[in-house]
Every structure is written in C-alpha cells, then in structure tokens.
Amino acid sequence: MKISITSSAKKFMEERGIQDVTFKLKVLEASGCCLGIVKEIEPFYQPTEDATGYRYYQADGNHFFVSREIRILGPLSVTTEGFWSMKRLALEGATIPL
C-alpha cells in the first residue's frame, strides 16, 4: 500500500524540517461520568525507536511509521488538521480500533 502527502502537509513538513513521522495510537483513561477510554492517532515528528510494531511507508523522500494498532481503511494520505499554532499532521484513510 502506498501513502500520499497533500500539498498542505508537504508545506508544513518543509517549513519545520520534518522528514520522519511516526503515527501512534494514544489511549487515555478519561475520568468522569461515562467517557471510559479515549483513543486518538497522534503524530510524532521523529522515527520510532523500534519499528517492529509499525508499518513503514516512504513518499517524496519522507519516512512514515504507522502503528500496527491503527486500523487501515483505504488509501493513506498525510494531511494537516487544526489552525495556526495548533496545526499538526493527520493520517487519513485510517481509524482507531474499536
């Protein structure tokens, strides 16, 4: 399977000198009424230390590591989400496991 990078993600990565991205599944125990466990896909702008639990992709000279815990739905695309200082990379075509 291939991975593509949107123009906004390319610009974001070039401006910050990012060449390696690791997408991990972040699991938080939410305290309160009835939330339970909260999961999200979180980007880290460095390679993983142990790649055995990750799928590896390469596109446009960049390296992407996607946790095997993340469920792949279709073609993968790296894009951006958020606004201004809160902007970050996101992974489309994948979801959290239920």
Protein backbone atom coordinates (compact mmCIF):
# COMPACT_ATOMS: atom_id res chain seq x y z
CA MET A 1 0.00 0.00 0.00
CA LYS A 2 1.20 3.50 -0.81
CA ILE A 3 0.91 6.73 1.10
CA SER A 4 0.42 10.19 -0.37
CA ILE A 5 1.13 13.64 1.04
CA THR A 6 -1.19 16.60 0.48
CA SER A 7 0.28 19.95 -0.54
CA SER A 8 -0.58 21.45 2.87
CA ALA A 9 1.24 18.60 4.63
CA LYS A 10 4.28 19.00 2.35
CA LYS A 11 4.42 22.70 3.15
CA PHE A 12 4.02 22.03 6.90
CA MET A 13 6.84 19.46 6.83
CA GLU A 14 9.19 21.62 4.73
CA GLU A 15 8.69 24.69 6.96
CA ARG A 16 9.58 22.66 10.06
CA GLY A 17 12.30 20.45 8.53
CA ILE A 18 10.32 17.26 9.22
CA GLN A 19 11.43 14.15 7.31
CA ASP A 20 10.24 11.35 9.62
CA VAL A 21 6.76 10.98 11.13
CA THR A 22 5.52 8.28 13.48
CA PHE A 23 1.77 7.87 13.93
CA LYS A 24 0.97 6.21 17.27
CA LEU A 25 -2.28 5.19 18.89
CA LYS A 26 -2.73 7.27 22.04
CA VAL A 27 -5.03 5.75 24.66
CA LEU A 28 -6.22 7.84 27.62
CA GLU A 29 -8.41 6.79 30.50
CA ALA A 30 -10.95 9.58 30.82
CA SER A 31 -12.24 10.24 34.29
CA GLY A 32 -15.79 11.34 34.67
CA CYS A 33 -19.28 10.16 34.06
CA CYS A 34 -19.32 7.75 31.17
CA LEU A 35 -16.41 8.53 28.85
CA GLY A 36 -14.26 5.48 29.61
CA ILE A 37 -11.31 5.25 27.24
CA VAL A 38 -10.43 7.93 24.68
CA LYS A 39 -8.27 6.99 21.68
CA GLU A 40 -6.65 9.14 19.02
CA ILE A 41 -3.96 8.90 16.34
CA GLU A 42 -1.09 11.15 17.39
CA PRO A 43 1.81 12.24 15.15
CA PHE A 44 5.41 12.41 16.41
CA TYR A 45 7.95 14.13 14.19
CA GLN A 46 10.74 11.59 14.54
CA PRO A 47 11.29 7.94 13.61
CA THR A 48 10.24 5.24 16.05
CA GLU A 49 12.98 3.59 18.09
CA ASP A 50 11.60 0.08 17.49
CA ALA A 51 9.98 -0.36 14.08
CA THR A 52 8.74 -3.93 14.68
CA GLY A 53 5.26 -2.75 15.73
CA TYR A 54 4.90 -0.36 12.78
CA ARG A 55 4.11 -0.33 9.08
CA TYR A 56 6.68 1.61 7.06
CA TYR A 57 5.89 3.92 4.14
CA GLN A 58 8.03 6.25 2.08
CA ALA A 59 6.87 9.16 -0.08
CA ASP A 60 8.69 12.15 -1.55
CA GLY A 61 11.85 11.35 0.45
CA ASN A 62 9.94 11.29 3.76
CA HIS A 63 9.57 8.29 6.06
CA PHE A 64 6.31 7.37 7.80
CA PHE A 65 5.80 4.80 10.54
CA VAL A 66 2.19 3.81 11.30
CA SER A 67 1.45 1.75 14.41
CA ARG A 68 0.03 -1.69 13.66
CA GLU A 69 -2.63 -0.90 16.29
CA ILE A 70 -4.11 1.68 13.89
CA ARG A 71 -6.75 0.23 11.56
CA ILE A 72 -6.17 0.97 7.86
CA LEU A 73 -9.42 1.61 5.94
CA GLY A 74 -8.20 2.58 2.49
CA PRO A 75 -5.59 4.63 0.68
CA LEU A 76 -3.45 6.51 3.20
CA SER A 77 -2.85 10.22 2.94
CA VAL A 78 -0.90 12.55 5.21
CA THR A 79 -2.65 15.90 5.61
CA THR A 80 -2.88 18.71 8.14
CA GLU A 81 -5.54 19.49 10.73
CA GLY A 82 -6.09 22.36 13.14
CA PHE A 83 -5.39 26.07 12.93
CA TRP A 84 -2.30 28.27 13.21
CA SER A 85 -0.16 27.23 16.18
CA MET A 86 -2.35 24.17 16.85
CA LYS A 87 -1.81 22.76 13.34
CA ARG A 88 -0.42 19.21 13.10
CA LEU A 89 -0.16 16.32 10.67
CA ALA A 90 -3.04 13.86 10.40
CA LEU A 91 -3.45 10.44 8.80
CA GLU A 92 -6.46 9.97 6.50
CA GLY A 93 -7.58 6.52 5.43
CA ALA A 94 -7.04 5.11 8.92
CA THR A 95 -9.03 4.95 12.14
CA ILE A 96 -8.72 3.88 15.73
CA PRO A 97 -9.67 0.30 16.58
CA LEU A 98 -12.96 -0.11 18.47
